[in-house]
Amino acid sequence: MDKFFLFFLAYLITCPKAFADDASNDTRIFYNGTGEVFFKAQEPLVLKLNNVSFVLDKDPESAEGTSENGTSTLTLKFKDISNEAGQLSSVDLVMSFSESMGYWKMSKGMISVKGTANGTQIDNTDVAIHGQKIEAPRRFSYHCSRVLSYKPVNDTNLVLLIKGIQVQPFEITDDRFGRSYDCQGFFSIALLTAIFLAILIGALLGWGISMLMSVNAPDRFDDPKGKPLVVNALE
């Protein structure tokens, strides 16, 4: 029973990483920024303009990455994205990353869009977008299975949605992602549940042992001034 509990506890502790690895392996898109920046997502990126959702499910015209002097940049350029409510002639996404003090982070996001949505002409150039903070230790990739949203400040007409992102802009070795640093953090719900169960079971086990140790042999019929009562077992 103790071995089973220890195995179950170990599984709960390690399962957040397992979930992160599974999510990253189920991806549908992968962009190699000329070997300098790796970008992966569980689903194609979605761009919302004037309440119209455009799925960037086409291969980009180009996916370029640069890295020098502690700064990396990934540039994705899409062409001719359309649906029933509009058409985008071009979508350019630029993600800039910087590193310092043993960590790297996304320092800036820019997007340029040209086209129409719901009959409205759109011509946005180099619009800064903000959202979920992306950062990880050096040699690590960043992973998040949630849907991350990025949009300009005080503007809800443009929203970029990324689901199941994994990105690494520095120190890529052997043409693969490094160990993933998950946005969920170390103290996940599964880990907190495991700790709570361990404390509860440990408390119950300690209480049971203390109860057993407090059990004494029956001596109510012994004469404290005489010889102890001895019962011989005869065959």
C-alpha atoms as a PDB file:
ATOM      1  CA  MET A   1       0.000   0.000   0.000  1.00  0.00           C
ATOM      2  CA  ASP A   2       2.855   2.361   0.883  1.00  0.00           C
ATOM      3  CA  LYS A   3       4.584   1.653  -2.437  1.00  0.00           C
ATOM      4  CA  PHE A   4       1.377   2.402  -4.332  1.00  0.00           C
ATOM      5  CA  PHE A   5       0.940   5.701  -2.488  1.00  0.00           C
ATOM      6  CA  LEU A   6       4.538   6.738  -3.180  1.00  0.00           C
ATOM      7  CA  PHE A   7       4.103   5.898  -6.870  1.00  0.00           C
ATOM      8  CA  PHE A   8       0.842   7.865  -7.030  1.00  0.00           C
ATOM      9  CA  LEU A   9       2.437  10.852  -5.287  1.00  0.00           C
ATOM     10  CA  ALA A  10       5.401  10.818  -7.665  1.00  0.00           C
ATOM     11  CA  TYR A  11       3.037  10.708 -10.644  1.00  0.00           C
ATOM     12  CA  LEU A  12       1.056  13.709  -9.422  1.00  0.00           C
ATOM     13  CA  ILE A  13       4.247  15.689  -8.861  1.00  0.00           C
ATOM     14  CA  THR A  14       5.624  14.970 -12.312  1.00  0.00           C
ATOM     15  CA  CYS A  15       2.354  15.119 -14.263  1.00  0.00           C
ATOM     16  CA  PRO A  16       2.450  18.918 -14.944  1.00  0.00           C
ATOM     17  CA  LYS A  17       5.617  18.425 -16.979  1.00  0.00           C
ATOM     18  CA  ALA A  18       4.119  15.393 -18.672  1.00  0.00           C
ATOM     19  CA  PHE A  19       1.072  17.425 -19.666  1.00  0.00           C
ATOM     20  CA  ALA A  20       3.328  20.162 -21.041  1.00  0.00           C
ATOM     21  CA  ASP A  21       5.302  17.668 -23.132  1.00  0.00           C
ATOM     22  CA  ASP A  22       2.119  16.094 -24.490  1.00  0.00           C
ATOM     23  CA  ALA A  23       0.694  19.482 -25.412  1.00  0.00           C
ATOM     24  CA  SER A  24       3.865  20.446 -27.245  1.00  0.00           C
ATOM     25  CA  ASN A  25       3.902  17.174 -29.178  1.00  0.00           C
ATOM     26  CA  ASP A  26       0.304  17.606 -30.364  1.00  0.00           C
ATOM     27  CA  THR A  27       1.118  20.782 -32.239  1.00  0.00           C
ATOM     28  CA  ARG A  28      -0.171  21.498 -35.731  1.00  0.00           C
ATOM     29  CA  ILE A  29       2.210  24.273 -36.748  1.00  0.00           C
ATOM     30  CA  PHE A  30       5.942  24.831 -36.456  1.00  0.00           C
ATOM     31  CA  TYR A  31       7.918  27.839 -37.649  1.00  0.00           C
ATOM     32  CA  ASN A  32      11.695  27.681 -37.950  1.00  0.00           C
ATOM     33  CA  GLY A  33      13.059  31.206 -37.968  1.00  0.00           C
ATOM     34  CA  THR A  34      16.116  30.345 -40.093  1.00  0.00           C
ATOM     35  CA  GLY A  35      17.473  28.204 -37.267  1.00  0.00           C
ATOM     36  CA  GLU A  36      17.649  31.135 -34.844  1.00  0.00           C
ATOM     37  CA  VAL A  37      14.143  31.065 -33.335  1.00  0.00           C
ATOM     38  CA  PHE A  38      11.809  28.080 -32.959  1.00  0.00           C
ATOM     39  CA  PHE A  39       8.060  28.715 -32.662  1.00  0.00           C
ATOM     40  CA  LYS A  40       5.397  26.066 -32.241  1.00  0.00           C
ATOM     41  CA  ALA A  41       1.662  26.171 -31.481  1.00  0.00           C
ATOM     42  CA  GLN A  42      -1.013  23.588 -30.834  1.00  0.00           C
ATOM     43  CA  GLU A  43      -3.372  25.277 -33.292  1.00  0.00           C
ATOM     44  CA  PRO A  44      -2.996  27.894 -36.044  1.00  0.00           C
ATOM     45  CA  LEU A  45      -2.859  31.498 -34.903  1.00  0.00           C
ATOM     46  CA  VAL A  46      -6.157  33.400 -34.911  1.00  0.00           C
ATOM     47  CA  LEU A  47      -6.424  37.119 -35.658  1.00  0.00           C
ATOM     48  CA  LYS A  48      -9.658  38.887 -34.676  1.00  0.00           C
ATOM     49  CA  LEU A  49     -10.461  42.131 -36.496  1.00  0.00           C
ATOM     50  CA  ASN A  50     -13.751  43.978 -35.965  1.00  0.00           C
ATOM     51  CA  ASN A  51     -15.285  40.790 -34.473  1.00  0.00           C
ATOM     52  CA  VAL A  52     -14.179  38.731 -37.495  1.00  0.00           C
ATOM     53  CA  SER A  53     -11.856  35.781 -36.858  1.00  0.00           C
ATOM     54  CA  PHE A  54      -9.167  35.063 -39.438  1.00  0.00           C
ATOM     55  CA  VAL A  55      -7.339  31.747 -39.028  1.00  0.00           C
ATOM     56  CA  LEU A  56      -3.715  31.982 -40.131  1.00  0.00           C
ATOM     57  CA  ASP A  57      -3.653  28.369 -41.287  1.00  0.00           C
ATOM     58  CA  LYS A  58      -1.677  28.932 -44.486  1.00  0.00           C
ATOM     59  CA  ASP A  59       2.065  28.489 -44.623  1.00  0.00           C
ATOM     60  CA  PRO A  60       3.706  31.888 -44.181  1.00  0.00           C
ATOM     61  CA  GLU A  61       5.395  33.517 -47.137  1.00  0.00           C
ATOM     62  CA  SER A  62       8.465  33.737 -44.937  1.00  0.00           C
ATOM     63  CA  ALA A  63       9.570  32.849 -41.412  1.00  0.00           C
ATOM     64  CA  GLU A  64      12.796  34.645 -40.597  1.00  0.00           C
ATOM     65  CA  GLY A  65      14.772  34.721 -37.388  1.00  0.00           C
ATOM     66  CA  THR A  66      17.738  36.814 -36.327  1.00  0.00           C
ATOM     67  CA  SER A  67      19.886  36.675 -33.207  1.00  0.00           C
ATOM     68  CA  GLU A  68      22.728  38.980 -32.218  1.00  0.00           C
ATOM     69  CA  ASN A  69      23.963  40.919 -29.201  1.00  0.00           C
ATOM     70  CA  GLY A  70      21.450  39.354 -26.803  1.00  0.00           C
ATOM     71  CA  THR A  71      18.440  40.121 -29.008  1.00  0.00           C
ATOM     72  CA  SER A  72      16.431  37.729 -31.189  1.00  0.00           C
ATOM     73  CA  THR A  73      13.585  38.465 -33.589  1.00  0.00           C
ATOM     74  CA  LEU A  74      11.046  36.222 -35.305  1.00  0.00           C
ATOM     75  CA  THR A  75       9.202  37.655 -38.318  1.00  0.00           C
ATOM     76  CA  LEU A  76       6.229  35.806 -39.830  1.00  0.00           C
ATOM     77  CA  LYS A  77       4.625  37.090 -43.036  1.00  0.00           C
ATOM     78  CA  PHE A  78       1.258  35.739 -44.216  1.00  0.00           C
ATOM     79  CA  LYS A  79      -0.526  36.499 -47.486  1.00  0.00           C
ATOM     80  CA  ASP A  80      -4.123  36.208 -48.736  1.00  0.00           C
ATOM     81  CA  ILE A  81      -5.999  35.098 -45.609  1.00  0.00           C
ATOM     82  CA  SER A  82      -9.755  35.162 -46.210  1.00  0.00           C
ATOM     83  CA  ASN A  83     -13.150  34.015 -44.963  1.00  0.00           C
ATOM     84  CA  GLU A  84     -16.792  34.879 -45.669  1.00  0.00           C
ATOM     85  CA  ALA A  85     -16.595  38.205 -43.806  1.00  0.00           C
ATOM     86  CA  GLY A  86     -13.387  39.612 -45.200  1.00  0.00           C
ATOM     87  CA  GLN A  87      -9.982  39.196 -46.745  1.00  0.00           C
ATOM     88  CA  LEU A  88      -6.501  40.112 -45.571  1.00  0.00           C
ATOM     89  CA  SER A  89      -3.903  40.750 -48.229  1.00  0.00           C
ATOM     90  CA  SER A  90      -1.023  40.662 -45.744  1.00  0.00           C
ATOM     91  CA  VAL A  91      -0.369  39.954 -42.068  1.00  0.00           C
ATOM     92  CA  ASP A  92       3.121  40.552 -40.658  1.00  0.00           C
ATOM     93  CA  LEU A  93       3.919  39.473 -37.097  1.00  0.00           C
ATOM     94  CA  VAL A  94       7.185  40.438 -35.410  1.00  0.00           C
ATOM     95  CA  MET A  95       8.186  39.057 -32.007  1.00  0.00           C
ATOM     96  CA  SER A  96      11.329  40.456 -30.373  1.00  0.00           C
ATOM     97  CA  PHE A  97      13.177  38.780 -27.504  1.00  0.00           C
ATOM     98  CA  SER A  98      15.981  39.879 -25.206  1.00  0.00           C
ATOM     99  CA  GLU A  99      18.051  38.143 -22.551  1.00  0.00           C
ATOM    100  CA  SER A 100      19.684  39.290 -19.333  1.00  0.00           C
ATOM    101  CA  MET A 101      20.544  37.945 -15.871  1.00  0.00           C
ATOM    102  CA  GLY A 102      20.161  34.319 -16.929  1.00  0.00           C
ATOM    103  CA  TYR A 103      16.644  34.786 -18.330  1.00  0.00           C
ATOM    104  CA  TRP A 104      15.142  35.686 -21.680  1.00  0.00           C
ATOM    105  CA  LYS A 105      11.777  37.318 -22.355  1.00  0.00           C
ATOM    106  CA  MET A 106       9.620  38.632 -25.182  1.00  0.00           C
ATOM    107  CA  SER A 107      10.348  42.337 -25.080  1.00  0.00           C
ATOM    108  CA  LYS A 108       8.083  43.512 -27.893  1.00  0.00           C
ATOM    109  CA  GLY A 109       5.358  42.343 -30.253  1.00  0.00           C
ATOM    110  CA  MET A 110       4.376  44.158 -33.455  1.00  0.00           C
ATOM    111  CA  ILE A 111       1.736  43.382 -36.077  1.00  0.00           C
ATOM    112  CA  SER A 112       0.882  44.900 -39.454  1.00  0.00           C
ATOM    113  CA  VAL A 113      -2.409  44.089 -41.212  1.00  0.00           C
ATOM    114  CA  LYS A 114      -3.894  45.121 -44.553  1.00  0.00           C
ATOM    115  CA  GLY A 115      -7.296  44.089 -45.904  1.00  0.00           C
ATOM    116  CA  THR A 116     -11.008  44.281 -45.128  1.00  0.00           C
ATOM    117  CA  ALA A 117     -13.196  42.906 -42.330  1.00  0.00           C
ATOM    118  CA  ASN A 118     -16.979  43.361 -42.164  1.00  0.00           C
ATOM    119  CA  GLY A 119     -16.746  45.873 -44.996  1.00  0.00           C
ATOM    120  CA  THR A 120     -14.212  48.026 -43.131  1.00  0.00           C
ATOM    121  CA  GLN A 121     -10.882  48.807 -44.724  1.00  0.00           C
ATOM    122  CA  ILE A 122      -7.955  47.901 -42.479  1.00  0.00           C
ATOM    123  CA  ASP A 123      -4.463  49.317 -42.826  1.00  0.00           C
ATOM    124  CA  ASN A 124      -2.535  48.915 -39.588  1.00  0.00           C
ATOM    125  CA  THR A 125       1.242  49.192 -39.662  1.00  0.00           C
ATOM    126  CA  ASP A 126       3.614  48.251 -36.837  1.00  0.00           C
ATOM    127  CA  VAL A 127       0.953  48.147 -34.134  1.00  0.00           C
ATOM    128  CA  ALA A 128       2.384  47.223 -30.727  1.00  0.00           C
ATOM    129  CA  ILE A 129       0.533  44.354 -29.045  1.00  0.00           C
ATOM    130  CA  HIS A 130       0.652  43.380 -25.380  1.00  0.00           C
ATOM    131  CA  GLY A 131      -0.540  40.393 -23.373  1.00  0.00           C
ATOM    132  CA  GLN A 132       0.707  37.365 -21.471  1.00  0.00           C
ATOM    133  CA  LYS A 133       4.297  37.725 -20.310  1.00  0.00           C
ATOM    134  CA  ILE A 134       6.626  35.267 -22.046  1.00  0.00           C
ATOM    135  CA  GLU A 135       9.920  34.502 -20.304  1.00  0.00           C
ATOM    136  CA  ALA A 136      12.083  31.526 -19.368  1.00  0.00           C
ATOM    137  CA  PRO A 137      15.564  30.712 -18.058  1.00  0.00           C
ATOM    138  CA  ARG A 138      18.444  30.490 -20.520  1.00  0.00           C
ATOM    139  CA  ARG A 139      18.598  27.278 -22.568  1.00  0.00           C
ATOM    140  CA  PHE A 140      14.902  26.700 -21.787  1.00  0.00           C
ATOM    141  CA  SER A 141      11.952  27.035 -24.125  1.00  0.00           C
ATOM    142  CA  TYR A 142       8.720  28.675 -22.978  1.00  0.00           C
ATOM    143  CA  HIS A 143       5.517  26.621 -23.117  1.00  0.00           C
ATOM    144  CA  CYS A 144       1.897  27.426 -22.301  1.00  0.00           C
ATOM    145  CA  SER A 145      -1.088  25.238 -23.159  1.00  0.00           C
ATOM    146  CA  ARG A 146      -3.589  28.034 -22.498  1.00  0.00           C
ATOM    147  CA  VAL A 147      -4.871  30.469 -25.106  1.00  0.00           C
ATOM    148  CA  LEU A 148      -2.766  33.631 -24.936  1.00  0.00           C
ATOM    149  CA  SER A 149      -4.226  36.885 -26.255  1.00  0.00           C
ATOM    150  CA  TYR A 150      -2.310  39.931 -27.466  1.00  0.00           C
ATOM    151  CA  LYS A 151      -3.813  43.255 -28.445  1.00  0.00           C
ATOM    152  CA  PRO A 152      -2.998  46.969 -28.572  1.00  0.00           C
ATOM    153  CA  VAL A 153      -3.529  49.040 -25.450  1.00  0.00           C
ATOM    154  CA  ASN A 154      -7.098  50.431 -25.258  1.00  0.00           C
ATOM    155  CA  ASP A 155      -8.102  48.771 -28.537  1.00  0.00           C
ATOM    156  CA  THR A 156     -10.328  45.683 -28.686  1.00  0.00           C
ATOM    157  CA  ASN A 157     -10.793  45.620 -32.463  1.00  0.00           C
ATOM    158  CA  LEU A 158      -7.535  43.719 -32.981  1.00  0.00           C
ATOM    159  CA  VAL A 159      -6.694  40.594 -30.986  1.00  0.00           C
ATOM    160  CA  LEU A 160      -4.115  37.902 -31.718  1.00  0.00           C
ATOM    161  CA  LEU A 161      -4.815  34.484 -30.152  1.00  0.00           C
ATOM    162  CA  ILE A 162      -2.143  31.809 -29.707  1.00  0.00           C
ATOM    163  CA  LYS A 163      -3.015  28.382 -28.269  1.00  0.00           C
ATOM    164  CA  GLY A 164      -0.407  25.958 -26.976  1.00  0.00           C
ATOM    165  CA  ILE A 165       2.620  28.107 -27.683  1.00  0.00           C
ATOM    166  CA  GLN A 166       6.196  26.889 -27.377  1.00  0.00           C
ATOM    167  CA  VAL A 167       9.003  29.229 -28.341  1.00  0.00           C
ATOM    168  CA  GLN A 168      12.766  29.380 -27.924  1.00  0.00           C
ATOM    169  CA  PRO A 169      14.728  32.365 -29.263  1.00  0.00           C
ATOM    170  CA  PHE A 170      18.196  31.581 -27.866  1.00  0.00           C
ATOM    171  CA  GLU A 171      20.697  28.720 -27.578  1.00  0.00           C
ATOM    172  CA  ILE A 172      18.950  26.143 -29.759  1.00  0.00           C
ATOM    173  CA  THR A 173      21.016  22.942 -29.901  1.00  0.00           C
ATOM    174  CA  ASP A 174      20.616  19.781 -31.983  1.00  0.00           C
ATOM    175  CA  ASP A 175      17.753  21.429 -33.916  1.00  0.00           C
ATOM    176  CA  ARG A 176      15.268  20.860 -31.116  1.00  0.00           C
ATOM    177  CA  PHE A 177      13.571  22.722 -28.290  1.00  0.00           C
ATOM    178  CA  GLY A 178      15.282  22.830 -24.940  1.00  0.00           C
ATOM    179  CA  ARG A 179      13.621  21.780 -21.710  1.00  0.00           C
ATOM    180  CA  SER A 180      10.242  23.516 -21.420  1.00  0.00           C
ATOM    181  CA  TYR A 181       9.486  26.186 -18.802  1.00  0.00           C
ATOM    182  CA  ASP A 182       5.721  26.065 -18.362  1.00  0.00           C
ATOM    183  CA  CYS A 183       3.499  29.062 -17.680  1.00  0.00           C
ATOM    184  CA  GLN A 184       1.548  26.952 -15.206  1.00  0.00           C
ATOM    185  CA  GLY A 185       4.345  27.280 -12.680  1.00  0.00           C
ATOM    186  CA  PHE A 186       5.707  24.722 -10.243  1.00  0.00           C
ATOM    187  CA  PHE A 187       2.840  24.753  -7.744  1.00  0.00           C
ATOM    188  CA  SER A 188       0.109  23.414 -10.001  1.00  0.00           C
ATOM    189  CA  ILE A 189      -3.281  22.162  -8.811  1.00  0.00           C
ATOM    190  CA  ALA A 190      -2.082  18.569  -9.141  1.00  0.00           C
ATOM    191  CA  LEU A 191       1.006  19.240  -7.030  1.00  0.00           C
ATOM    192  CA  LEU A 192      -0.944  21.083  -4.321  1.00  0.00           C
ATOM    193  CA  THR A 193      -3.460  18.212  -4.239  1.00  0.00           C
ATOM    194  CA  ALA A 194      -0.629  15.703  -3.874  1.00  0.00           C
ATOM    195  CA  ILE A 195       0.911  17.694  -1.013  1.00  0.00           C
ATOM    196  CA  PHE A 196      -2.465  17.966   0.738  1.00  0.00           C
ATOM    197  CA  LEU A 197      -3.100  14.219   0.387  1.00  0.00           C
ATOM    198  CA  ALA A 198       0.403  13.427   1.645  1.00  0.00           C
ATOM    199  CA  ILE A 199      -0.108  15.603   4.728  1.00  0.00           C
ATOM    200  CA  LEU A 200      -3.565  14.120   5.381  1.00  0.00           C
ATOM    201  CA  ILE A 201      -2.429  10.510   5.019  1.00  0.00           C
ATOM    202  CA  GLY A 202       0.690  11.210   7.093  1.00  0.00           C
ATOM    203  CA  ALA A 203      -1.440  12.744   9.860  1.00  0.00           C
ATOM    204  CA  LEU A 204      -3.833   9.770   9.859  1.00  0.00           C
ATOM    205  CA  LEU A 205      -0.926   7.325   9.896  1.00  0.00           C
ATOM    206  CA  GLY A 206       0.745   9.150  12.782  1.00  0.00           C
ATOM    207  CA  TRP A 207      -2.527   9.232  14.734  1.00  0.00           C
ATOM    208  CA  GLY A 208      -3.016   5.492  14.170  1.00  0.00           C
ATOM    209  CA  ILE A 209       0.515   4.661  15.324  1.00  0.00           C
ATOM    210  CA  SER A 210       0.133   6.813  18.434  1.00  0.00           C
ATOM    211  CA  MET A 211      -3.143   5.042  19.257  1.00  0.00           C
ATOM    212  CA  LEU A 212      -1.496   1.632  18.913  1.00  0.00           C
ATOM    213  CA  MET A 213       1.407   2.693  21.112  1.00  0.00           C
ATOM    214  CA  SER A 214      -1.004   3.832  23.828  1.00  0.00           C
ATOM    215  CA  VAL A 215      -2.586   0.364  24.129  1.00  0.00           C
ATOM    216  CA  ASN A 216      -1.510  -1.366  27.406  1.00  0.00           C
ATOM    217  CA  ALA A 217      -1.917  -4.931  28.641  1.00  0.00           C
ATOM    218  CA  PRO A 218      -5.010  -5.435  30.871  1.00  0.00           C
ATOM    219  CA  ASP A 219      -3.988  -5.400  34.558  1.00  0.00           C
ATOM    220  CA  ARG A 220      -7.225  -4.587  36.354  1.00  0.00           C
ATOM    221  CA  PHE A 221      -7.234  -7.973  38.152  1.00  0.00           C
ATOM    222  CA  ASP A 222      -3.598  -7.819  39.312  1.00  0.00           C
ATOM    223  CA  ASP A 223      -2.875  -7.233  43.025  1.00  0.00           C
ATOM    224  CA  PRO A 224      -0.317  -4.443  43.171  1.00  0.00           C
ATOM    225  CA  LYS A 225       0.922  -5.789  46.556  1.00  0.00           C
ATOM    226  CA  GLY A 226       1.134  -9.418  45.531  1.00  0.00           C
ATOM    227  CA  LYS A 227       2.623 -11.489  42.829  1.00  0.00           C
ATOM    228  CA  PRO A 228       1.566 -10.686  39.307  1.00  0.00           C
ATOM    229  CA  LEU A 229      -1.170 -12.829  37.903  1.00  0.00           C
ATOM    230  CA  VAL A 230       0.391 -15.484  35.690  1.00  0.00           C
ATOM    231  CA  VAL A 231      -1.593 -17.772  33.439  1.00  0.00           C
ATOM    232  CA  ASN A 232       0.231 -20.850  32.238  1.00  0.00           C
ATOM    233  CA  ALA A 233      -0.728 -22.333  28.917  1.00  0.00           C
ATOM    234  CA  LEU A 234      -0.937 -26.125  29.239  1.00  0.00           C
ATOM    235  CA  GLU A 235      -1.146 -28.484  26.325  1.00  0.00           C
END
